[in-house]
Amino acid sequence: MPEIVTVGEALIDLTQTMEDAGGIRHYAAFPGGAPANVAVAAARLGGKAAFIGKVGRDAFGGAIRRTFLENGVDVSGLYEARQALTTLAVVSVDAEGERSFSFYRSPGADTQLTGEEAAAALRAYGQRPRFLHFGSVSLTAEPARTATMEAARLAREMGVLLSYDPNYRASLWPDEATALEQMKRPLSLCHVVKLAEEELELLTGLADLEAGSLALFQTYGIPLIVITMGEGGSFYRLGACTGRVKGRSVQVADTNGAGDTFLGALLTRLVSAAGLDSLTPEELEAGLDFANRAAALTCTRPGAIPAMPTLAEMKAQEEGAR
């Protein structure tokens, strides 16, 4: 039975791999989508993971299903849309490895997940998972928005811990005000929230990590807030306790999937903790160091899922550092 269940978008990242001498950009089709990435990252790192979402009845949808299966992710909650095609995200990469996104989704299959489907999949696992994770991309369109919120509320009623990544993709929202309204909706339900620095400032109006995380904690009561800072590592707020864990400096090939790898890695470590209320800063910092190292390894290779490290790679890295 899964310990970590993710719900939301599974799509194809058409990721730029090179630009030839004639100025023609070359792209490769990688299965992706933030919640899908988190599920695969967790499974590769030894977690028992499952995914709930919807893909098209097309070659890309079939590729996503195969990728889940090849990586040991439970696909009993992966549905197929009758008409909509699998969503495409075109990922262009600049000289520093930073990404920009364009989405082909009118509508995409990922937006067609219903509340009934999400609830049925969650109830069918036989025992409750430890975590349900989701992001804000599935809040951009109906019926997936309602399905995500209903799954979150049901999981909370079942005693499942909720993990949320409010990853902002401006092109998927009609305007910033709508994005903020919808992205803030789940916050009061959540036990773990992971943000990038720019998303913290977007949600709180505060760039300072201490002040911004405190505002989120005081407003929504989130037990664990983690802010990723690229090679700068990660900042955390565990209730009143805050701290930083250094990152790793690597030669970047592609940052796509790094944040999802980080979160998948962290959740695999939190699964074994007795509970967030008894989690010590030392235990959390060990988990964040593991997550930072996993994310750094992802950045050294192109693509999101293909670049994600395995548990064996992480163990080999640890042994090599001794």
Protein backbone atom coordinates (compact mmCIF):
# COMPACT_ATOMS: atom_id res chain seq x y z
CA MET A 1 0.00 0.00 0.00
CA PRO A 2 1.29 3.50 -0.82
CA GLU A 3 2.73 5.77 1.85
CA ILE A 4 2.89 8.84 -0.40
CA VAL A 5 0.04 9.62 -2.81
CA THR A 6 0.22 12.55 -5.20
CA VAL A 7 -2.75 14.02 -7.04
CA GLY A 8 -2.79 16.44 -9.95
CA GLU A 9 -1.20 16.86 -13.36
CA ALA A 10 0.73 14.27 -15.33
CA LEU A 11 1.84 15.69 -18.66
CA ILE A 12 4.59 15.70 -21.23
CA ASP A 13 7.48 18.15 -20.85
CA LEU A 14 8.75 18.98 -24.34
CA THR A 15 12.13 20.05 -23.03
CA GLN A 16 14.71 21.94 -25.05
CA THR A 17 17.87 19.84 -25.30
CA MET A 18 19.99 21.95 -27.65
CA GLU A 19 20.05 24.71 -30.23
CA ASP A 20 21.90 23.75 -33.41
CA ALA A 21 24.16 25.87 -35.60
CA GLY A 22 21.17 26.99 -37.63
CA GLY A 23 19.38 28.31 -34.54
CA ILE A 24 16.86 25.43 -34.54
CA ARG A 25 15.87 24.31 -31.07
CA HIS A 26 15.68 20.56 -30.41
CA TYR A 27 13.20 19.16 -27.87
CA ALA A 28 12.76 15.79 -26.17
CA ALA A 29 9.45 14.47 -24.79
CA PHE A 30 9.79 13.68 -21.09
CA PRO A 31 6.88 12.53 -18.88
CA GLY A 32 6.41 15.13 -16.16
CA GLY A 33 4.06 17.34 -14.19
CA ALA A 34 4.96 18.33 -10.63
CA PRO A 35 2.84 15.79 -8.68
CA ALA A 36 3.84 13.04 -11.12
CA ASN A 37 7.49 14.01 -10.63
CA VAL A 38 7.14 13.90 -6.85
CA ALA A 39 5.65 10.41 -7.00
CA VAL A 40 8.47 9.09 -9.18
CA ALA A 41 11.15 10.84 -7.11
CA ALA A 42 9.78 9.28 -3.94
CA ALA A 43 9.56 5.82 -5.52
CA ARG A 44 13.12 6.01 -6.87
CA LEU A 45 14.33 6.94 -3.42
CA GLY A 46 12.71 3.97 -1.73
CA GLY A 47 9.24 5.30 -0.94
CA LYS A 48 5.95 3.53 -1.66
CA ALA A 49 4.23 5.99 -3.98
CA ALA A 50 0.98 6.27 -5.94
CA PHE A 51 -0.44 8.82 -8.35
CA ILE A 52 -4.02 10.04 -8.90
CA GLY A 53 -4.72 11.96 -12.11
CA LYS A 54 -5.82 11.79 -15.73
CA VAL A 55 -4.06 11.47 -19.09
CA GLY A 56 -5.29 11.20 -22.67
CA ARG A 57 -5.93 8.03 -24.63
CA ASP A 58 -2.92 8.79 -26.79
CA ALA A 59 0.73 7.84 -27.17
CA PHE A 60 1.83 10.43 -24.62
CA GLY A 61 -0.66 9.13 -22.06
CA GLY A 62 0.64 5.61 -22.63
CA ALA A 63 4.22 6.83 -22.15
CA ILE A 64 3.31 8.42 -18.83
CA ARG A 65 1.65 5.23 -17.60
CA ARG A 66 4.71 3.16 -18.61
CA THR A 67 7.02 5.59 -16.84
CA PHE A 68 5.06 5.26 -13.62
CA LEU A 69 5.08 1.48 -13.83
CA GLU A 70 8.79 1.30 -14.67
CA ASN A 71 9.52 3.35 -11.57
CA GLY A 72 7.28 1.39 -9.22
CA VAL A 73 4.50 3.98 -8.84
CA ASP A 74 0.97 2.64 -8.19
CA VAL A 75 -1.26 3.67 -11.14
CA SER A 76 -4.60 2.35 -9.87
CA GLY A 77 -5.73 6.01 -9.67
CA LEU A 78 -4.51 6.98 -13.16
CA TYR A 79 -7.57 7.59 -15.35
CA GLU A 80 -7.91 8.17 -19.11
CA ALA A 81 -9.88 11.07 -20.58
CA ARG A 82 -12.34 10.11 -23.31
CA GLN A 83 -11.76 13.15 -25.50
CA ALA A 84 -9.07 15.49 -24.15
CA LEU A 85 -5.46 14.83 -25.11
CA THR A 86 -2.51 14.60 -22.75
CA THR A 87 -1.32 18.07 -21.79
CA LEU A 88 1.97 19.36 -23.23
CA ALA A 89 4.32 21.76 -21.47
CA VAL A 90 7.03 23.21 -23.69
CA VAL A 91 10.08 23.84 -21.50
CA SER A 92 12.71 26.18 -22.92
CA VAL A 93 16.05 26.50 -21.15
CA ASP A 94 18.36 29.54 -21.10
CA ALA A 95 22.16 29.61 -20.91
CA GLU A 96 22.06 29.34 -17.09
CA GLY A 97 19.76 26.30 -17.17
CA GLU A 98 16.70 28.27 -16.01
CA ARG A 99 13.34 27.33 -17.50
CA SER A 100 10.35 29.02 -19.11
CA PHE A 101 7.03 27.24 -19.75
CA SER A 102 4.35 27.30 -22.44
CA PHE A 103 1.31 25.02 -22.02
CA TYR A 104 -0.84 23.31 -24.67
CA ARG A 105 -3.96 22.55 -22.64
CA SER A 106 -7.35 23.56 -24.12
CA PRO A 107 -8.46 21.58 -22.25
CA GLY A 108 -5.77 19.06 -21.38
CA ALA A 109 -6.60 15.66 -19.95
CA ASP A 110 -5.07 16.60 -16.59
CA THR A 111 -7.81 19.19 -16.05
CA GLN A 112 -10.57 16.58 -16.46
CA LEU A 113 -10.08 14.66 -13.20
CA THR A 114 -13.34 14.69 -11.21
CA GLY A 115 -13.92 14.74 -7.48
CA GLU A 116 -15.63 11.36 -7.64
CA GLU A 117 -12.62 9.81 -9.37
CA ALA A 118 -10.11 11.30 -6.94
CA ALA A 119 -12.13 10.21 -3.89
CA ALA A 120 -12.67 6.68 -5.24
CA ALA A 121 -8.95 6.24 -5.87
CA LEU A 122 -8.03 7.53 -2.42
CA ARG A 123 -10.51 5.25 -0.67
CA ALA A 124 -9.44 2.19 -2.68
CA TYR A 125 -5.91 1.87 -1.29
CA GLY A 126 -7.02 -0.35 1.60
CA GLN A 127 -5.16 1.60 4.25
CA ARG A 128 -4.60 5.30 4.57
CA PRO A 129 -1.36 6.70 3.14
CA ARG A 130 0.89 8.84 5.31
CA PHE A 131 0.92 11.80 2.91
CA LEU A 132 -1.26 13.23 0.16
CA HIS A 133 0.68 15.72 -1.95
CA PHE A 134 -0.65 18.18 -4.53
CA GLY A 135 0.31 21.44 -6.23
CA SER A 136 -1.42 24.55 -7.48
CA VAL A 137 -1.38 23.74 -11.22
CA SER A 138 -4.38 21.44 -10.70
CA LEU A 139 -6.22 24.43 -9.16
CA THR A 140 -6.09 26.39 -12.42
CA ALA A 141 -9.08 24.75 -14.14
CA GLU A 142 -12.25 22.80 -13.44
CA PRO A 143 -13.11 20.04 -12.73
CA ALA A 144 -9.55 19.32 -11.52
CA ARG A 145 -9.70 22.26 -9.08
CA THR A 146 -12.70 20.82 -7.27
CA ALA A 147 -11.26 17.30 -7.46
CA THR A 148 -8.01 18.44 -5.82
CA MET A 149 -9.76 20.30 -3.02
CA GLU A 150 -12.16 17.41 -2.38
CA ALA A 151 -9.27 14.94 -2.26
CA ALA A 152 -7.42 17.20 0.19
CA ARG A 153 -10.44 17.52 2.47
CA LEU A 154 -11.16 13.78 2.34
CA ALA A 155 -7.54 12.95 3.11
CA ARG A 156 -7.56 15.34 6.05
CA GLU A 157 -10.71 13.64 7.40
CA MET A 158 -8.94 10.27 7.04
CA GLY A 159 -6.01 11.48 9.13
CA VAL A 160 -3.62 11.77 6.17
CA LEU A 161 -0.96 14.50 6.29
CA LEU A 162 -1.24 17.04 3.46
CA SER A 163 1.76 18.31 1.49
CA TYR A 164 1.34 21.26 -0.88
CA ASP A 165 3.57 22.99 -3.42
CA PRO A 166 2.04 26.32 -4.56
CA ASN A 167 4.11 26.42 -7.75
CA TYR A 168 3.15 29.52 -9.74
CA ARG A 169 2.80 29.28 -13.53
CA ALA A 170 1.54 32.69 -14.66
CA SER A 171 0.44 31.52 -18.12
CA LEU A 172 -2.13 29.15 -16.62
CA TRP A 173 -4.01 31.88 -14.71
CA PRO A 174 -6.19 34.69 -16.08
CA ASP A 175 -4.45 37.17 -13.75
CA GLU A 176 -2.31 37.29 -10.60
CA ALA A 177 -5.23 38.14 -8.30
CA THR A 178 -7.10 34.98 -9.32
CA ALA A 179 -3.94 32.94 -8.91
CA LEU A 180 -3.37 34.24 -5.39
CA GLU A 181 -6.98 33.59 -4.37
CA GLN A 182 -6.89 29.98 -5.55
CA MET A 183 -3.32 29.22 -4.45
CA LYS A 184 -4.13 30.33 -0.89
CA ARG A 185 -7.30 28.20 -0.61
CA PRO A 186 -5.63 24.94 0.52
CA LEU A 187 -3.09 26.49 2.91
CA SER A 188 -5.16 26.11 6.08
CA LEU A 189 -5.57 22.37 5.39
CA CYS A 190 -1.86 21.66 4.97
CA HIS A 191 0.78 20.13 7.24
CA VAL A 192 3.77 20.62 4.91
CA VAL A 193 4.18 23.47 2.43
CA LYS A 194 7.18 23.78 0.11
CA LEU A 195 7.80 27.04 -1.74
CA ALA A 196 10.47 28.71 -3.80
CA GLU A 197 11.62 32.15 -2.62
CA GLU A 198 9.62 33.99 -5.29
CA GLU A 199 6.45 32.09 -4.35
CA LEU A 200 6.86 33.04 -0.69
CA GLU A 201 7.01 36.70 -1.71
CA LEU A 202 4.03 36.26 -4.03
CA LEU A 203 1.86 34.71 -1.30
CA THR A 204 2.91 36.95 1.60
CA GLY A 205 4.34 40.12 0.07
CA LEU A 206 7.49 39.47 2.11
CA ALA A 207 10.88 38.55 0.68
CA ASP A 208 12.50 37.92 4.07
CA LEU A 209 12.36 34.18 4.78
CA GLU A 210 11.91 34.53 8.55
CA ALA A 211 9.15 37.12 8.24
CA GLY A 212 7.40 35.47 5.28
CA SER A 213 7.35 32.00 6.82
CA LEU A 214 6.15 33.46 10.12
CA ALA A 215 3.27 35.19 8.33
CA LEU A 216 2.24 31.87 6.73
CA PHE A 217 2.52 30.05 10.06
CA GLN A 218 0.52 32.63 11.98
CA THR A 219 -2.16 32.99 9.31
CA TYR A 220 -2.67 29.34 8.36
CA GLY A 221 -1.12 27.28 11.18
CA ILE A 222 1.10 25.23 8.85
CA PRO A 223 3.34 22.98 11.01
CA LEU A 224 6.25 22.72 8.53
CA ILE A 225 7.19 25.32 5.93
CA VAL A 226 10.19 24.71 3.66
CA ILE A 227 11.61 27.27 1.25
CA THR A 228 14.03 26.15 -1.45
CA MET A 229 16.86 28.45 -2.53
CA GLY A 230 18.57 26.55 -5.38
CA GLU A 231 22.25 25.96 -4.69
CA GLY A 232 21.76 28.10 -1.56
CA GLY A 233 20.01 25.12 0.05
CA SER A 234 16.78 25.29 2.01
CA PHE A 235 15.21 27.25 4.85
CA TYR A 236 12.66 25.74 7.20
CA ARG A 237 10.16 26.79 9.82
CA LEU A 238 9.08 24.00 12.16
CA GLY A 239 6.63 25.86 14.35
CA ALA A 240 8.66 28.50 16.21
CA CYS A 241 11.98 26.92 15.19
CA THR A 242 13.76 28.03 12.02
CA GLY A 243 17.00 27.05 10.34
CA ARG A 244 18.90 26.63 7.09
CA VAL A 245 20.53 23.61 5.47
CA LYS A 246 23.24 24.27 2.92
CA GLY A 247 22.85 23.13 -0.67
CA ARG A 248 25.25 21.63 -3.17
CA SER A 249 27.04 23.47 -5.96
CA VAL A 250 26.94 21.47 -9.21
CA GLN A 251 27.36 21.95 -12.96
CA VAL A 252 23.75 22.59 -14.02
CA ALA A 253 22.40 20.90 -17.14
CA ASP A 254 18.70 21.53 -16.45
CA THR A 255 16.85 22.63 -13.30
CA ASN A 256 13.57 21.03 -14.43
CA GLY A 257 12.29 18.65 -11.74
CA ALA A 258 14.76 19.72 -9.06
CA GLY A 259 12.10 21.08 -6.70
CA ASP A 260 9.95 17.99 -7.20
CA THR A 261 12.90 15.72 -6.51
CA PHE A 262 13.58 17.73 -3.36
CA LEU A 263 10.03 17.28 -2.15
CA GLY A 264 9.81 13.59 -3.05
CA ALA A 265 13.07 12.99 -1.18
CA LEU A 266 11.93 14.95 1.87
CA LEU A 267 8.58 13.12 2.06
CA THR A 268 10.33 9.73 2.00
CA ARG A 269 12.25 10.83 5.09
CA LEU A 270 9.20 12.31 6.84
CA VAL A 271 7.26 9.07 6.34
CA SER A 272 9.52 7.36 8.88
CA ALA A 273 9.17 10.15 11.45
CA ALA A 274 6.84 9.50 14.37
CA GLY A 275 4.91 12.66 13.53
CA LEU A 276 5.42 16.30 12.67
CA ASP A 277 4.55 17.32 16.24
CA SER A 278 7.46 15.26 17.57
CA LEU A 279 9.89 15.92 14.70
CA THR A 280 13.14 17.42 15.98
CA PRO A 281 15.15 20.07 14.11
CA GLU A 282 18.02 17.58 13.87
CA GLU A 283 15.81 14.95 12.20
CA LEU A 284 14.37 17.54 9.84
CA GLU A 285 17.79 18.91 8.89
CA ALA A 286 19.01 15.40 8.06
CA GLY A 287 16.00 14.97 5.77
CA LEU A 288 16.56 18.38 4.16
CA ASP A 289 20.23 17.59 3.53
CA PHE A 290 19.16 14.37 1.79
CA ALA A 291 16.61 16.33 -0.26
CA ASN A 292 19.14 19.04 -1.18
CA ARG A 293 21.62 16.43 -2.42
CA ALA A 294 18.95 14.60 -4.43
CA ALA A 295 17.81 17.86 -6.08
CA ALA A 296 21.41 18.78 -6.91
CA LEU A 297 21.95 15.45 -8.66
CA THR A 298 18.80 16.03 -10.72
CA CYS A 299 20.18 19.35 -11.94
CA THR A 300 23.25 17.68 -13.44
CA ARG A 301 21.19 15.82 -16.07
CA PRO A 302 18.54 16.88 -18.62
CA GLY A 303 14.85 16.24 -18.16
CA ALA A 304 12.91 15.86 -14.91
CA ILE A 305 12.05 12.19 -14.33
CA PRO A 306 15.02 10.76 -16.29
CA ALA A 307 17.37 12.91 -14.21
CA MET A 308 16.06 11.88 -10.80
CA PRO A 309 18.48 9.87 -8.65
CA THR A 310 17.87 6.42 -7.23
CA LEU A 311 18.41 5.41 -3.63
CA ALA A 312 21.46 3.42 -4.73
CA GLU A 313 22.99 6.57 -6.27
CA MET A 314 22.37 8.50 -3.08
CA LYS A 315 23.99 5.80 -0.96
CA ALA A 316 26.98 5.67 -3.32
CA GLN A 317 27.33 9.45 -3.02
CA GLU A 318 27.27 9.23 0.77
CA GLU A 319 29.91 6.51 0.79
CA GLY A 320 32.10 8.49 -1.62
CA ALA A 321 31.94 11.53 0.67
CA ARG A 322 33.25 9.61 3.68
